[in-house]
Protein backbone atom coordinates (compact mmCIF):
# COMPACT_ATOMS: atom_id res chain seq x y z
CA LEU A 1 2.70 -14.31 21.67
CA LYS A 2 4.89 -16.87 19.94
CA GLY A 3 6.32 -16.97 16.45
CA LEU A 4 6.30 -13.23 15.74
CA PRO A 5 8.95 -11.65 13.52
CA GLN A 6 11.63 -9.63 15.35
CA ARG A 7 11.57 -6.89 12.75
CA VAL A 8 8.86 -5.56 10.45
CA THR A 9 9.19 -3.37 7.37
CA ILE A 10 6.49 -0.76 6.93
CA VAL A 11 5.59 0.38 3.43
CA GLU A 12 4.09 3.86 3.82
CA VAL A 13 1.37 4.31 1.19
CA GLY A 14 -0.08 7.66 2.35
CA PRO A 15 1.27 9.90 -0.44
CA ARG A 16 -0.18 7.59 -3.10
CA ASP A 17 -2.98 5.34 -1.83
CA GLY A 18 -3.80 7.87 0.87
CA LEU A 19 -4.18 10.93 -1.34
CA GLN A 20 -5.44 9.48 -4.63
CA ASN A 21 -9.07 9.64 -3.51
CA GLU A 22 -9.01 13.30 -2.44
CA LYS A 23 -11.52 15.31 -4.47
CA THR A 24 -9.64 18.61 -4.24
CA ILE A 25 -6.33 18.64 -6.11
CA ILE A 26 -3.48 18.92 -3.63
CA PRO A 27 -0.59 21.17 -4.75
CA THR A 28 2.59 19.37 -5.80
CA GLN A 29 4.53 21.24 -3.10
CA VAL A 30 2.33 19.80 -0.33
CA LYS A 31 2.85 16.25 -1.63
CA VAL A 32 6.60 16.85 -1.84
CA GLU A 33 6.68 18.20 1.72
CA LEU A 34 4.66 15.22 2.97
CA ILE A 35 7.12 12.76 1.38
CA ASN A 36 10.16 14.68 2.63
CA LYS A 37 8.76 14.75 6.17
CA LEU A 38 8.02 10.98 6.01
CA SER A 39 11.62 10.42 4.87
CA GLN A 40 12.80 11.78 8.24
CA THR A 41 10.78 9.32 10.37
CA GLY A 42 12.86 6.19 9.79
CA LEU A 43 10.54 4.73 7.13
CA LYS A 44 12.46 2.89 4.40
CA PHE A 45 9.66 2.55 1.81
CA ILE A 46 7.44 5.49 0.89
CA GLU A 47 5.07 4.98 -2.01
CA ALA A 48 5.30 8.36 -3.65
CA ALA A 49 3.04 8.55 -6.70
CA SER A 50 0.97 6.75 -9.27
CA PHE A 51 1.84 6.98 -12.96
CA VAL A 52 -1.74 6.57 -14.10
CA SER A 53 -3.83 8.52 -16.58
CA GLU A 54 -4.75 11.93 -15.21
CA ARG A 55 -8.21 11.36 -16.66
CA TYR A 56 -8.85 8.42 -14.31
CA VAL A 57 -7.03 9.66 -11.19
CA PRO A 58 -6.63 13.46 -11.50
CA GLN A 59 -4.96 13.68 -8.08
CA MET A 60 -1.90 11.84 -9.41
CA GLY A 61 -1.50 13.94 -12.56
CA ASP A 62 1.65 15.64 -11.22
CA HIS A 63 3.54 12.36 -10.64
CA SER A 64 6.67 13.34 -12.60
CA LYS A 65 6.91 16.73 -10.87
CA VAL A 66 6.60 15.07 -7.45
CA MET A 67 9.40 12.60 -8.24
CA ALA A 68 11.62 15.40 -9.58
CA GLN A 69 11.15 17.61 -6.53
CA ILE A 70 11.36 15.25 -3.54
CA SER A 71 14.62 15.03 -1.57
CA ARG A 72 15.51 11.36 -1.93
CA LYS A 73 17.11 10.16 1.27
CA GLU A 74 19.83 7.53 1.04
CA GLY A 75 18.55 4.11 2.07
CA VAL A 76 14.90 5.03 1.39
CA MET A 77 12.97 3.65 -1.58
CA TYR A 78 10.24 5.68 -3.26
CA PRO A 79 8.14 3.14 -5.19
CA VAL A 80 5.45 4.26 -7.65
CA LEU A 81 2.42 2.59 -9.19
CA THR A 82 2.59 1.84 -12.93
CA PRO A 83 -0.54 0.15 -14.36
CA ASN A 84 0.76 -0.08 -17.92
CA MET A 85 3.76 0.36 -20.22
CA LYS A 86 3.11 4.08 -20.71
CA GLY A 87 3.17 4.58 -16.94
CA PHE A 88 6.33 2.49 -16.63
CA GLN A 89 8.17 4.52 -19.28
CA ALA A 90 7.22 7.76 -17.54
CA ALA A 91 8.39 6.31 -14.20
CA LEU A 92 11.69 5.26 -15.78
CA ALA A 93 12.16 8.78 -17.15
CA ALA A 94 11.54 10.09 -13.61
CA ASP A 95 14.38 7.89 -12.23
CA CYS A 96 12.10 5.59 -10.24
CA GLU A 97 13.94 2.57 -8.80
CA GLU A 98 10.87 0.56 -7.86
CA VAL A 99 7.46 0.22 -9.48
CA ALA A 100 4.32 -1.68 -8.58
CA VAL A 101 1.68 -3.39 -10.70
CA PHE A 102 -1.89 -4.18 -9.65
CA ALA A 103 -3.93 -7.29 -10.27
CA ALA A 104 -7.26 -8.19 -8.70
CA ALA A 105 -8.51 -11.47 -7.26
CA SER A 106 -11.97 -10.55 -8.54
CA GLU A 107 -13.11 -10.23 -12.16
CA GLY A 108 -15.68 -7.55 -11.23
CA PHE A 109 -13.10 -5.37 -9.53
CA SER A 110 -10.55 -5.91 -12.32
CA LYS A 111 -13.08 -4.65 -14.85
CA ALA A 112 -14.00 -1.62 -12.70
CA ASN A 113 -10.46 -0.73 -11.63
CA LEU A 114 -8.31 -1.78 -14.59
CA ASN A 115 -10.95 -1.84 -17.32
CA CYS A 116 -10.06 -5.41 -18.28
CA THR A 117 -10.35 -9.03 -17.14
CA ILE A 118 -7.76 -10.61 -14.82
CA GLU A 119 -6.30 -12.49 -17.80
CA GLU A 120 -6.07 -9.31 -19.88
CA SER A 121 -4.39 -7.49 -17.00
CA PHE A 122 -1.58 -10.08 -16.97
CA LYS A 123 -1.10 -9.71 -20.73
CA ARG A 124 -0.80 -5.96 -20.17
CA PHE A 125 1.80 -6.48 -17.42
CA GLU A 126 4.05 -8.83 -19.42
CA PRO A 127 6.02 -6.19 -21.39
CA LEU A 128 6.17 -4.01 -18.27
CA CYS A 129 7.65 -6.84 -16.18
CA GLU A 130 10.22 -7.62 -18.88
CA ALA A 131 11.16 -3.93 -19.16
CA ALA A 132 11.54 -3.68 -15.37
CA GLN A 133 14.00 -6.60 -15.38
CA GLU A 134 15.93 -5.17 -18.33
CA ASN A 135 16.24 -1.80 -16.60
CA ASN A 136 17.06 -3.19 -13.12
CA VAL A 137 13.89 -1.70 -11.65
CA ARG A 138 12.43 -3.52 -8.65
CA LEU A 139 8.91 -4.76 -9.24
CA ARG A 140 6.25 -5.21 -6.56
CA GLY A 141 2.87 -6.83 -7.12
CA TYR A 142 -0.40 -5.85 -5.51
CA VAL A 143 -3.41 -8.13 -5.35
CA SER A 144 -6.69 -6.29 -4.67
CA CYS A 145 -9.83 -7.65 -2.97
CA VAL A 146 -8.13 -10.65 -1.34
CA LEU A 147 -10.80 -10.90 1.40
CA GLY A 148 -13.87 -9.59 -0.38
CA CYS A 149 -15.07 -7.59 -3.37
CA PRO A 150 -17.71 -4.84 -3.67
CA TYR A 151 -19.09 -6.60 -6.77
CA GLU A 152 -18.65 -10.30 -5.99
CA GLY A 153 -18.64 -10.65 -2.21
CA ARG A 154 -16.43 -13.40 -0.79
CA ILE A 155 -13.28 -14.27 -2.74
CA ASP A 156 -11.89 -17.81 -2.95
CA PRO A 157 -8.41 -17.87 -1.30
CA LEU A 158 -7.26 -20.21 -4.07
CA VAL A 159 -7.86 -17.46 -6.66
CA VAL A 160 -5.80 -15.08 -4.49
CA ALA A 161 -3.01 -17.67 -4.39
CA GLN A 162 -3.09 -18.21 -8.16
CA VAL A 163 -3.04 -14.49 -8.99
CA SER A 164 -0.19 -13.99 -6.48
CA GLU A 165 1.79 -16.86 -7.98
CA ARG A 166 1.45 -15.42 -11.48
CA LEU A 167 2.75 -12.05 -10.30
CA LEU A 168 5.67 -13.76 -8.56
CA ASN A 169 6.51 -15.75 -11.70
CA MET A 170 6.43 -12.54 -13.75
CA GLY A 171 9.27 -11.13 -11.65
CA CYS A 172 7.65 -9.41 -8.65
CA TYR A 173 9.99 -9.58 -5.64
CA GLN A 174 7.08 -9.13 -3.24
CA ILE A 175 3.30 -9.61 -3.29
CA SER A 176 1.15 -7.26 -1.24
CA LEU A 177 -2.22 -8.80 -0.36
CA GLY A 178 -4.84 -6.06 -0.18
CA ASP A 179 -8.11 -6.10 1.71
CA THR A 180 -9.32 -3.25 -0.49
CA ILE A 181 -12.74 -2.82 1.11
CA GLY A 182 -11.68 -3.72 4.64
CA VAL A 183 -14.15 -6.58 5.16
CA GLY A 184 -11.59 -9.12 6.39
CA THR A 185 -11.54 -10.52 9.92
CA PRO A 186 -8.82 -12.47 11.77
CA GLY A 187 -10.62 -15.67 10.75
CA THR A 188 -10.80 -14.94 7.03
CA THR A 189 -7.27 -13.46 7.07
CA ASN A 190 -5.89 -16.65 8.62
CA GLU A 191 -7.79 -18.82 6.13
CA MET A 192 -6.59 -16.80 3.13
CA LEU A 193 -2.95 -16.73 4.27
CA SER A 194 -2.87 -20.46 4.99
CA VAL A 195 -3.83 -21.11 1.34
CA VAL A 196 -1.60 -18.41 -0.21
CA GLN A 197 1.43 -19.60 1.80
CA GLN A 198 1.21 -22.97 0.06
CA TYR A 199 2.05 -21.14 -3.19
CA ILE A 200 4.16 -18.16 -2.15
CA PRO A 201 7.13 -18.12 0.27
CA THR A 202 6.13 -16.15 3.37
CA GLU A 203 9.17 -13.86 3.08
CA LYS A 204 7.79 -12.61 -0.25
CA LEU A 205 4.42 -11.58 1.20
CA ALA A 206 3.15 -8.24 2.50
CA VAL A 207 -0.31 -7.28 3.79
CA HIS A 208 -2.36 -4.18 3.04
CA PHE A 209 -5.45 -3.71 5.21
CA HIS A 210 -8.14 -1.04 5.08
CA ASP A 211 -9.84 -0.34 8.39
CA THR A 212 -13.43 0.03 7.11
CA TYR A 213 -14.84 -2.37 9.72
CA GLY A 214 -12.21 -1.70 12.41
CA GLN A 215 -10.49 -5.07 11.89
CA ALA A 216 -7.14 -3.98 10.42
CA LEU A 217 -4.89 -4.23 13.51
CA ALA A 218 -6.38 -7.59 14.49
CA ASN A 219 -5.80 -8.83 10.93
CA ILE A 220 -2.21 -7.55 10.96
CA LEU A 221 -1.58 -9.45 14.20
CA VAL A 222 -2.81 -12.65 12.50
CA ALA A 223 -0.51 -11.94 9.54
CA LEU A 224 2.45 -11.45 11.92
CA GLN A 225 1.60 -14.75 13.62
CA ASN A 226 1.69 -16.33 10.16
CA GLY A 227 5.23 -15.00 9.68
CA VAL A 228 4.47 -12.03 7.40
CA SER A 229 6.87 -9.17 8.17
CA VAL A 230 5.95 -6.42 5.67
CA ILE A 231 2.96 -4.18 6.36
CA ASP A 232 1.49 -1.47 4.14
CA SER A 233 -0.06 1.42 6.05
CA SER A 234 -0.91 5.09 5.65
CA VAL A 235 0.04 8.04 7.83
CA ALA A 236 -3.02 9.47 9.64
CA GLY A 237 -5.10 6.63 8.15
CA LEU A 238 -5.46 8.49 4.86
CA GLY A 239 -7.11 6.92 1.88
CA GLY A 240 -9.84 4.88 0.33
CA CYS A 241 -10.23 3.49 -3.16
CA PRO A 242 -11.73 5.40 -6.09
CA PHE A 243 -13.26 2.16 -7.40
CA ALA A 244 -14.64 0.65 -4.15
CA LYS A 245 -17.63 2.43 -2.62
CA GLY A 246 -17.54 2.87 1.14
CA ALA A 247 -13.92 1.77 1.53
CA THR A 248 -12.49 4.04 4.19
CA GLY A 249 -8.84 4.67 4.91
CA ASN A 250 -5.90 2.39 5.14
CA VAL A 251 -4.84 1.30 8.59
CA ALA A 252 -2.97 4.22 10.19
CA THR A 253 0.83 3.86 10.28
CA GLU A 254 0.84 5.44 13.76
CA ASP A 255 -1.47 2.68 15.08
CA VAL A 256 0.66 -0.06 13.50
CA VAL A 257 3.93 1.34 14.91
CA TYR A 258 2.41 1.69 18.40
CA MET A 259 1.25 -1.95 18.28
CA LEU A 260 4.64 -3.16 17.04
CA ASN A 261 6.43 -1.16 19.75
CA GLY A 262 4.19 -2.79 22.35
CA MET A 263 5.23 -6.24 21.12
CA ASN A 264 8.95 -5.36 21.00
CA ILE A 265 9.00 -5.73 17.23
CA GLU A 266 11.41 -3.34 15.56
CA SER A 267 10.22 -1.13 12.72
CA GLY A 268 12.86 1.59 12.82
CA VAL A 269 10.10 4.24 12.75
CA ASP A 270 10.03 7.17 15.20
CA LEU A 271 6.42 7.32 16.38
CA ASP A 272 6.57 10.92 17.67
CA GLU A 273 7.95 12.20 14.38
CA LEU A 274 5.33 10.21 12.48
CA VAL A 275 2.52 11.77 14.53
CA LYS A 276 3.80 15.24 13.56
CA VAL A 277 3.66 14.29 9.87
CA GLY A 278 0.08 13.06 10.32
CA GLU A 279 -0.80 16.38 11.97
CA PHE A 280 0.75 18.29 9.06
CA ILE A 281 -1.19 16.52 6.28
CA SER A 282 -4.49 16.31 8.22
CA SER A 283 -4.27 20.01 9.04
CA TYR A 284 -3.70 20.81 5.34
CA LEU A 285 -6.69 18.65 4.36
CA GLY A 286 -8.78 20.27 7.10
CA ARG A 287 -9.88 17.05 8.72
CA ASP A 288 -9.46 14.94 11.84
CA ILE A 289 -6.55 12.54 12.05
CA ASN A 290 -7.84 9.02 11.37
CA SER A 291 -5.48 7.40 13.91
CA ARG A 292 -6.48 6.64 17.48
CA VAL A 293 -2.85 6.47 18.59
CA ALA A 294 -2.01 9.86 17.07
CA ASN A 295 -5.06 11.46 18.66
CA ALA A 296 -4.24 9.95 22.06
CA LEU A 297 -0.60 11.10 21.90
CA ILE A 298 -1.60 14.62 20.79
CA ALA A 299 -4.14 14.87 23.64
CA LYS A 300 -1.45 13.74 26.11
CA ARG A 301 0.93 16.38 24.74
CA ARG A 302 -1.61 19.11 25.47
């Protein structure tokens, strides 16, 4: 395999994207323990919370308590999601050093998820982006539905590129391209990236794949071959999306790390320690671990 990056950064999204869809409210202490355990695995980016309205995403209602109680490890970033100015101000008060904003490449999804059009969402982000720069807070941009939308079907890669470019111009240091409903394939991933890379420098791109159709690892490999070296993933494959029916979990971090190890690509993540964290949270939630690698390694251990 030629042209692969030597090192990849993993952005662990389990505590936020992984847990936000859980129907039963998880105690703050469990979330804190999950984040603290992840901090010991070698991960450098752990998305910790979402500063959204408790009415819309009740699971994230304790965001400020979570940020106050976690043990922040030196060299590890704990980004949070902030959809609007109110969320940003609360994140600032909670000493967050990095925040993320969300835009969609689909009007239908933007209206369902953000309650506004794509254009309106950018207007909403403007003061937030300015405030982030003024306060020296790193800003990451997410683009949802880059390979398909539950309301509109296929998405034009050019729209993905244009939305990404706007986020970049507003001050985002990185753009994470999300296959929110997991419909992408290596072919559509390659097509989308080849268009987006004409607008956005590759070193500013990340990918965020859901494994709904079992294509996530194959799509990540295509992204790596296109030079992308930042991957979002979720311990134990936790997660879905509250606004996308049928979207199953994110790609499991354990599966991504195993694949990277097998290609001699450094991630700095200790796979055995990661598997233990996946066991901890899956056991608390009372469900099977949604990672083939973790299940295989646990079976071998027995």
